[in-house]
Amino acid sequence: MLDINEILSILPHRYPFILVDRIIAFKKFTFLNAIKNISMNEPYFQGHFPQKPIYPGVLLLESMIQTTGILLYKSTNKKKLEKKIIYYVTGIDQAKFKKPAFPGDQIIIESILEKQKKLLFCFQSIAKINNKIICKAKIMCMKILK
């Protein structure tokens, strides 16, 4: 649905901090599903951990946050106006890590919009490998006018 070039046109992040590879499903103001492919080439595996590389939990949460950001952008994009709007993460609640991710894994991330109150958006985000939940969290974002 969206490839990496389109993702790069939405997110301000760049290598090595772009942590979403592809968008595979989207419904405006409802949900967005993304793919994050874990490759042994990624720089953090040099130190996390050299003998048994594991995708860092904080980066898994960031992948989930970036997926949420793409959902917000795709749902609210107004081209010219959008350049004056930015979304900031204001909270992460109930984050639970169930299983680790390793090089070679493909993570499917689903962000679901649960509610919106004025400028605050609340999401449920779920990360899965082989249809098994590896992490879930509630993510809150606030819309800020620059």
N, C-alpha and C. Protein backbone atom coordinates (compact mmCIF):
# COMPACT_ATOMS: atom_id res chain seq x y z
N MET A 1 0.82 -1.19 0.00
CA MET A 1 0.00 0.00 0.00
C MET A 1 0.87 1.27 0.00
N LEU A 2 1.84 1.34 0.92
CA LEU A 2 2.84 2.42 0.91
C LEU A 2 4.21 1.77 1.00
N ASP A 3 5.12 2.20 0.13
CA ASP A 3 6.48 1.67 0.21
C ASP A 3 7.37 2.62 1.01
N ILE A 4 8.64 2.28 1.10
CA ILE A 4 9.57 3.06 1.93
C ILE A 4 9.71 4.49 1.44
N ASN A 5 9.65 4.74 0.14
CA ASN A 5 9.78 6.11 -0.36
C ASN A 5 8.61 6.98 0.09
N GLU A 6 7.42 6.42 0.10
CA GLU A 6 6.25 7.17 0.58
C GLU A 6 6.32 7.37 2.10
N ILE A 7 6.82 6.37 2.81
CA ILE A 7 6.99 6.51 4.26
C ILE A 7 7.98 7.63 4.56
N LEU A 8 9.08 7.68 3.80
CA LEU A 8 10.07 8.74 3.99
C LEU A 8 9.50 10.13 3.69
N SER A 9 8.50 10.19 2.82
CA SER A 9 7.87 11.49 2.53
C SER A 9 6.94 11.94 3.66
N ILE A 10 6.58 11.01 4.54
CA ILE A 10 5.68 11.32 5.66
C ILE A 10 6.46 11.57 6.95
N LEU A 11 7.32 10.63 7.31
CA LEU A 11 8.06 10.72 8.59
C LEU A 11 9.30 11.58 8.44
N PRO A 12 9.66 12.33 9.48
CA PRO A 12 10.89 13.13 9.43
C PRO A 12 12.15 12.29 9.69
N HIS A 13 11.99 11.06 10.16
CA HIS A 13 13.12 10.19 10.51
C HIS A 13 13.89 9.75 9.26
N ARG A 14 15.17 9.47 9.46
CA ARG A 14 16.03 8.96 8.40
C ARG A 14 16.92 7.87 8.99
N TYR A 15 17.60 7.12 8.10
CA TYR A 15 18.50 6.06 8.53
C TYR A 15 19.50 6.62 9.54
N PRO A 16 19.74 5.91 10.60
CA PRO A 16 19.29 4.56 10.94
C PRO A 16 18.02 4.53 11.80
N PHE A 17 17.28 5.62 11.82
CA PHE A 17 16.15 5.70 12.75
C PHE A 17 14.79 5.61 12.08
N ILE A 18 14.74 5.24 10.81
CA ILE A 18 13.45 4.96 10.18
C ILE A 18 13.16 3.49 10.47
N LEU A 19 12.12 3.22 11.23
CA LEU A 19 11.88 1.87 11.76
C LEU A 19 10.58 1.25 11.27
N VAL A 20 10.12 1.70 10.11
CA VAL A 20 8.95 1.12 9.44
C VAL A 20 9.35 0.92 7.98
N ASP A 21 9.12 -0.28 7.44
CA ASP A 21 9.54 -0.58 6.07
C ASP A 21 8.42 -0.50 5.04
N ARG A 22 7.20 -0.81 5.44
CA ARG A 22 6.10 -0.85 4.48
C ARG A 22 4.77 -0.75 5.22
N ILE A 23 3.78 -0.14 4.56
CA ILE A 23 2.42 -0.10 5.08
C ILE A 23 1.60 -1.09 4.25
N ILE A 24 0.87 -1.97 4.94
CA ILE A 24 0.14 -3.02 4.22
C ILE A 24 -1.37 -2.88 4.31
N ALA A 25 -1.87 -2.08 5.25
CA ALA A 25 -3.32 -1.88 5.36
C ALA A 25 -3.58 -0.56 6.08
N PHE A 26 -4.67 0.09 5.69
CA PHE A 26 -4.99 1.40 6.27
C PHE A 26 -6.48 1.67 6.12
N LYS A 27 -7.08 2.20 7.19
CA LYS A 27 -8.44 2.73 7.12
C LYS A 27 -8.42 4.03 7.91
N LYS A 28 -8.78 5.11 7.24
CA LYS A 28 -8.71 6.46 7.79
C LYS A 28 -9.38 6.54 9.17
N PHE A 29 -8.66 7.13 10.13
CA PHE A 29 -9.13 7.32 11.51
C PHE A 29 -9.53 6.01 12.19
N THR A 30 -9.02 4.88 11.71
CA THR A 30 -9.38 3.59 12.31
C THR A 30 -8.14 2.78 12.67
N PHE A 31 -7.36 2.36 11.63
CA PHE A 31 -6.18 1.53 11.90
C PHE A 31 -5.18 1.67 10.76
N LEU A 32 -3.96 1.22 11.05
CA LEU A 32 -2.91 1.12 10.04
C LEU A 32 -2.01 -0.04 10.42
N ASN A 33 -1.68 -0.90 9.45
CA ASN A 33 -0.78 -2.02 9.67
C ASN A 33 0.51 -1.79 8.91
N ALA A 34 1.64 -2.04 9.58
CA ALA A 34 2.95 -1.81 8.99
C ALA A 34 3.84 -3.03 9.17
N ILE A 35 4.90 -3.07 8.37
CA ILE A 35 5.91 -4.12 8.48
C ILE A 35 7.24 -3.49 8.89
N LYS A 36 7.92 -4.15 9.82
CA LYS A 36 9.31 -3.83 10.16
C LYS A 36 10.10 -5.11 9.99
N ASN A 37 11.01 -5.12 9.02
CA ASN A 37 11.88 -6.27 8.81
C ASN A 37 13.14 -6.09 9.65
N ILE A 38 13.48 -7.10 10.41
CA ILE A 38 14.67 -7.04 11.27
C ILE A 38 15.83 -7.68 10.52
N SER A 39 16.87 -6.87 10.27
CA SER A 39 18.04 -7.34 9.52
C SER A 39 19.28 -7.31 10.40
N MET A 40 20.13 -8.29 10.26
CA MET A 40 21.37 -8.35 11.03
C MET A 40 22.28 -7.16 10.71
N ASN A 41 22.06 -6.48 9.59
CA ASN A 41 22.89 -5.34 9.18
C ASN A 41 22.64 -4.10 10.04
N GLU A 42 21.59 -4.07 10.83
CA GLU A 42 21.23 -2.86 11.55
C GLU A 42 22.27 -2.56 12.63
N PRO A 43 22.64 -1.28 12.77
CA PRO A 43 23.80 -0.90 13.59
C PRO A 43 23.71 -1.25 15.08
N TYR A 44 22.53 -1.27 15.65
CA TYR A 44 22.41 -1.53 17.09
C TYR A 44 22.76 -2.96 17.47
N PHE A 45 22.79 -3.90 16.51
CA PHE A 45 23.13 -5.28 16.85
C PHE A 45 24.60 -5.45 17.21
N GLN A 46 25.44 -4.47 16.89
CA GLN A 46 26.85 -4.53 17.29
C GLN A 46 26.99 -4.54 18.81
N GLY A 47 26.04 -3.90 19.49
CA GLY A 47 26.14 -3.83 20.95
C GLY A 47 24.94 -4.39 21.68
N HIS A 48 23.93 -4.90 20.97
CA HIS A 48 22.69 -5.37 21.63
C HIS A 48 22.23 -6.69 21.04
N PHE A 49 22.73 -7.70 21.33
CA PHE A 49 23.93 -8.07 22.06
C PHE A 49 24.79 -8.86 21.09
N PRO A 50 26.12 -8.67 21.06
CA PRO A 50 26.95 -9.28 20.03
C PRO A 50 26.82 -10.80 19.92
N GLN A 51 26.69 -11.51 21.05
CA GLN A 51 26.60 -12.98 21.00
C GLN A 51 25.18 -13.48 20.70
N LYS A 52 24.16 -12.68 21.04
CA LYS A 52 22.77 -13.07 20.79
C LYS A 52 21.98 -11.80 20.49
N PRO A 53 22.00 -11.35 19.23
CA PRO A 53 21.36 -10.09 18.88
C PRO A 53 19.84 -10.12 19.11
N ILE A 54 19.34 -9.10 19.78
CA ILE A 54 17.91 -8.94 20.06
C ILE A 54 17.51 -7.52 19.67
N TYR A 55 16.38 -7.39 18.97
CA TYR A 55 15.87 -6.06 18.61
C TYR A 55 15.52 -5.33 19.90
N PRO A 56 16.12 -4.17 20.17
CA PRO A 56 15.89 -3.47 21.43
C PRO A 56 14.42 -3.09 21.63
N GLY A 57 13.93 -3.31 22.84
CA GLY A 57 12.54 -3.01 23.17
C GLY A 57 12.18 -1.56 22.93
N VAL A 58 13.09 -0.65 23.23
CA VAL A 58 12.82 0.77 23.02
C VAL A 58 12.65 1.07 21.53
N LEU A 59 13.36 0.34 20.66
CA LEU A 59 13.20 0.53 19.22
C LEU A 59 11.92 -0.12 18.71
N LEU A 60 11.50 -1.21 19.36
CA LEU A 60 10.21 -1.81 19.03
C LEU A 60 9.10 -0.81 19.33
N LEU A 61 9.17 -0.16 20.50
CA LEU A 61 8.18 0.88 20.82
C LEU A 61 8.26 2.03 19.82
N GLU A 62 9.46 2.43 19.42
CA GLU A 62 9.59 3.49 18.43
C GLU A 62 8.99 3.07 17.08
N SER A 63 9.15 1.81 16.69
CA SER A 63 8.51 1.31 15.46
C SER A 63 6.99 1.44 15.57
N MET A 64 6.46 1.14 16.75
CA MET A 64 5.02 1.24 16.99
C MET A 64 4.58 2.71 16.95
N ILE A 65 5.39 3.59 17.50
CA ILE A 65 5.09 5.03 17.49
C ILE A 65 5.12 5.57 16.06
N GLN A 66 6.12 5.17 15.27
CA GLN A 66 6.19 5.63 13.89
C GLN A 66 4.98 5.14 13.09
N THR A 67 4.53 3.92 13.35
CA THR A 67 3.32 3.40 12.70
C THR A 67 2.12 4.26 13.06
N THR A 68 2.02 4.63 14.32
CA THR A 68 0.95 5.50 14.79
C THR A 68 1.03 6.87 14.11
N GLY A 69 2.24 7.40 13.97
CA GLY A 69 2.43 8.70 13.30
C GLY A 69 1.97 8.66 11.85
N ILE A 70 2.23 7.57 11.17
CA ILE A 70 1.79 7.44 9.78
C ILE A 70 0.27 7.37 9.72
N LEU A 71 -0.35 6.66 10.66
CA LEU A 71 -1.82 6.62 10.72
C LEU A 71 -2.39 8.03 10.91
N LEU A 72 -1.82 8.80 11.83
CA LEU A 72 -2.28 10.17 12.04
C LEU A 72 -2.13 11.01 10.78
N TYR A 73 -0.95 10.95 10.17
CA TYR A 73 -0.69 11.75 8.98
C TYR A 73 -1.64 11.37 7.85
N LYS A 74 -1.77 10.08 7.59
CA LYS A 74 -2.63 9.62 6.50
C LYS A 74 -4.10 9.95 6.75
N SER A 75 -4.50 10.01 8.02
CA SER A 75 -5.90 10.31 8.36
C SER A 75 -6.20 11.80 8.30
N THR A 76 -5.22 12.63 8.61
CA THR A 76 -5.48 14.07 8.76
C THR A 76 -4.78 14.93 7.71
N ASN A 77 -4.04 14.33 6.80
CA ASN A 77 -3.22 15.09 5.85
C ASN A 77 -4.05 16.09 5.05
N LYS A 78 -3.59 17.33 5.08
CA LYS A 78 -4.20 18.39 4.29
C LYS A 78 -3.12 19.12 3.50
N LYS A 79 -2.12 18.38 3.05
CA LYS A 79 -1.00 18.87 2.25
C LYS A 79 -0.37 20.17 2.77
N LYS A 80 -0.88 21.33 2.38
CA LYS A 80 -0.25 22.60 2.76
C LYS A 80 -0.35 22.87 4.25
N LEU A 81 -1.50 22.64 4.86
CA LEU A 81 -1.68 22.88 6.29
C LEU A 81 -0.79 21.96 7.12
N GLU A 82 -0.60 20.75 6.62
CA GLU A 82 0.15 19.74 7.39
C GLU A 82 1.56 20.19 7.74
N LYS A 83 2.16 21.02 6.94
CA LYS A 83 3.52 21.48 7.22
C LYS A 83 3.58 22.33 8.48
N LYS A 84 2.45 22.83 8.95
CA LYS A 84 2.40 23.64 10.17
C LYS A 84 1.96 22.83 11.38
N ILE A 85 1.75 21.53 11.21
CA ILE A 85 1.27 20.67 12.29
C ILE A 85 2.30 19.58 12.55
N ILE A 86 2.52 19.28 13.82
CA ILE A 86 3.39 18.18 14.20
C ILE A 86 2.72 17.43 15.34
N TYR A 87 2.95 16.13 15.42
CA TYR A 87 2.39 15.30 16.48
C TYR A 87 3.53 14.83 17.37
N TYR A 88 3.36 14.99 18.67
CA TYR A 88 4.35 14.53 19.64
C TYR A 88 3.75 13.43 20.51
N VAL A 89 4.58 12.46 20.84
CA VAL A 89 4.16 11.42 21.78
C VAL A 89 4.08 12.05 23.16
N THR A 90 2.95 11.88 23.81
CA THR A 90 2.79 12.43 25.17
C THR A 90 2.74 11.34 26.22
N GLY A 91 2.62 10.08 25.80
CA GLY A 91 2.60 9.02 26.79
C GLY A 91 2.59 7.64 26.16
N ILE A 92 3.13 6.70 26.92
CA ILE A 92 3.07 5.28 26.59
C ILE A 92 2.62 4.58 27.87
N ASP A 93 1.49 3.90 27.80
CA ASP A 93 0.96 3.20 28.97
C ASP A 93 0.83 1.72 28.67
N GLN A 94 0.86 0.95 29.72
CA GLN A 94 0.60 -0.49 29.67
C GLN A 94 1.46 -1.22 28.64
N ALA A 95 2.69 -0.78 28.47
CA ALA A 95 3.60 -1.46 27.53
C ALA A 95 3.98 -2.81 28.12
N LYS A 96 3.78 -3.85 27.32
CA LYS A 96 4.11 -5.21 27.75
C LYS A 96 4.90 -5.89 26.64
N PHE A 97 6.06 -6.41 27.01
CA PHE A 97 6.90 -7.16 26.07
C PHE A 97 6.70 -8.64 26.35
N LYS A 98 6.21 -9.37 25.35
CA LYS A 98 5.88 -10.79 25.53
C LYS A 98 7.01 -11.71 25.05
N LYS A 99 7.62 -11.34 23.91
CA LYS A 99 8.69 -12.16 23.32
C LYS A 99 9.67 -11.23 22.61
N PRO A 100 10.94 -11.65 22.51
CA PRO A 100 11.91 -10.82 21.79
C PRO A 100 11.81 -11.00 20.28
N ALA A 101 12.38 -10.05 19.54
CA ALA A 101 12.50 -10.13 18.09
C ALA A 101 13.98 -10.26 17.75
N PHE A 102 14.27 -11.08 16.75
CA PHE A 102 15.65 -11.39 16.36
C PHE A 102 15.87 -11.06 14.88
N PRO A 103 17.14 -10.93 14.46
CA PRO A 103 17.41 -10.75 13.04
C PRO A 103 16.73 -11.85 12.22
N GLY A 104 16.14 -11.44 11.11
CA GLY A 104 15.41 -12.38 10.27
C GLY A 104 13.91 -12.35 10.50
N ASP A 105 13.47 -11.79 11.63
CA ASP A 105 12.04 -11.71 11.92
C ASP A 105 11.39 -10.59 11.13
N GLN A 106 10.12 -10.77 10.85
CA GLN A 106 9.30 -9.72 10.25
C GLN A 106 8.21 -9.38 11.26
N ILE A 107 8.19 -8.13 11.71
CA ILE A 107 7.21 -7.69 12.69
C ILE A 107 6.06 -7.00 11.96
N ILE A 108 4.85 -7.41 12.29
CA ILE A 108 3.65 -6.74 11.80
C ILE A 108 3.14 -5.88 12.95
N ILE A 109 3.00 -4.59 12.69
CA ILE A 109 2.56 -3.64 13.72
C ILE A 109 1.20 -3.09 13.33
N GLU A 110 0.27 -3.15 14.26
CA GLU A 110 -1.06 -2.59 14.03
C GLU A 110 -1.29 -1.47 15.04
N SER A 111 -1.62 -0.30 14.53
CA SER A 111 -2.02 0.83 15.38
C SER A 111 -3.50 1.08 15.15
N ILE A 112 -4.24 1.15 16.24
CA ILE A 112 -5.69 1.32 16.20
C ILE A 112 -6.04 2.59 16.97
N LEU A 113 -6.74 3.51 16.32
CA LEU A 113 -7.19 4.72 17.00
C LEU A 113 -8.34 4.36 17.93
N GLU A 114 -8.15 4.57 19.23
CA GLU A 114 -9.18 4.25 20.21
C GLU A 114 -10.08 5.44 20.50
N LYS A 115 -9.46 6.63 20.66
CA LYS A 115 -10.27 7.83 20.90
C LYS A 115 -9.48 9.08 20.61
N GLN A 116 -10.23 10.15 20.40
CA GLN A 116 -9.65 11.46 20.16
C GLN A 116 -10.43 12.47 20.98
N LYS A 117 -9.70 13.31 21.70
CA LYS A 117 -10.30 14.43 22.43
C LYS A 117 -9.55 15.68 22.04
N LYS A 118 -10.20 16.52 21.26
CA LYS A 118 -9.60 17.75 20.76
C LYS A 118 -8.26 17.45 20.10
N LEU A 119 -7.15 17.83 20.73
CA LEU A 119 -5.83 17.66 20.12
C LEU A 119 -5.11 16.39 20.59
N LEU A 120 -5.74 15.58 21.45
CA LEU A 120 -5.12 14.37 22.00
C LEU A 120 -5.69 13.13 21.31
N PHE A 121 -4.80 12.25 20.87
CA PHE A 121 -5.19 11.00 20.22
C PHE A 121 -4.67 9.84 21.06
N CYS A 122 -5.50 8.80 21.24
CA CYS A 122 -5.09 7.60 21.98
C CYS A 122 -5.19 6.39 21.07
N PHE A 123 -4.14 5.56 21.08
CA PHE A 123 -4.04 4.40 20.20
C PHE A 123 -3.73 3.14 21.00
N GLN A 124 -4.17 2.02 20.49
CA GLN A 124 -3.70 0.71 20.94
C GLN A 124 -2.76 0.23 19.84
N SER A 125 -1.56 -0.15 20.20
CA SER A 125 -0.59 -0.64 19.22
C SER A 125 -0.16 -2.04 19.60
N ILE A 126 -0.14 -2.92 18.60
CA ILE A 126 0.18 -4.33 18.82
C ILE A 126 1.23 -4.74 17.80
N ALA A 127 2.30 -5.38 18.27
CA ALA A 127 3.35 -5.90 17.39
C ALA A 127 3.31 -7.43 17.44
N LYS A 128 3.36 -8.05 16.26
CA LYS A 128 3.28 -9.51 16.17
C LYS A 128 4.37 -10.07 15.26
N ILE A 129 4.80 -11.27 15.58
CA ILE A 129 5.65 -12.07 14.69
C ILE A 129 4.94 -13.40 14.52
N ASN A 130 4.77 -13.81 13.28
CA ASN A 130 4.05 -15.06 12.99
C ASN A 130 2.71 -15.13 13.71
N ASN A 131 2.01 -14.02 13.72
CA ASN A 131 0.68 -13.89 14.30
C ASN A 131 0.65 -14.07 15.83
N LYS A 132 1.81 -13.97 16.48
CA LYS A 132 1.89 -14.05 17.94
C LYS A 132 2.31 -12.68 18.47
N ILE A 133 1.59 -12.19 19.46
CA ILE A 133 1.89 -10.87 20.02
C ILE A 133 3.25 -10.90 20.72
N ILE A 134 4.09 -9.94 20.34
CA ILE A 134 5.38 -9.80 21.03
C ILE A 134 5.41 -8.54 21.91
N CYS A 135 4.54 -7.58 21.60
CA CYS A 135 4.48 -6.36 22.40
C CYS A 135 3.15 -5.67 22.14
N LYS A 136 2.64 -5.02 23.18
CA LYS A 136 1.48 -4.15 23.00
C LYS A 136 1.60 -2.98 23.96
N ALA A 137 0.99 -1.87 23.55
CA ALA A 137 1.08 -0.65 24.36
C ALA A 137 -0.01 0.32 23.94
N LYS A 138 -0.36 1.19 24.86
CA LYS A 138 -1.25 2.32 24.55
C LYS A 138 -0.33 3.52 24.31
N ILE A 139 -0.56 4.22 23.21
CA ILE A 139 0.27 5.35 22.83
C ILE A 139 -0.61 6.58 22.72
N MET A 140 -0.19 7.68 23.36
CA MET A 140 -0.91 8.93 23.28
C MET A 140 -0.06 9.95 22.53
N CYS A 141 -0.72 10.71 21.64
CA CYS A 141 -0.06 11.74 20.87
C CYS A 141 -0.87 13.03 20.95
N MET A 142 -0.16 14.16 20.85
CA MET A 142 -0.82 15.45 20.85
C MET A 142 -0.46 16.20 19.59
N LYS A 143 -1.45 16.85 19.02
CA LYS A 143 -1.27 17.68 17.83
C LYS A 143 -0.80 19.06 18.28
N ILE A 144 0.31 19.51 17.71
CA ILE A 144 0.89 20.81 18.05
C ILE A 144 0.96 21.64 16.78
N LEU A 145 0.50 22.87 16.85
CA LEU A 145 0.64 23.79 15.72
C LEU A 145 1.97 24.52 15.87
N LYS A 146 2.78 24.51 14.81
CA LYS A 146 4.09 25.17 14.88
C LYS A 146 3.94 26.67 14.72
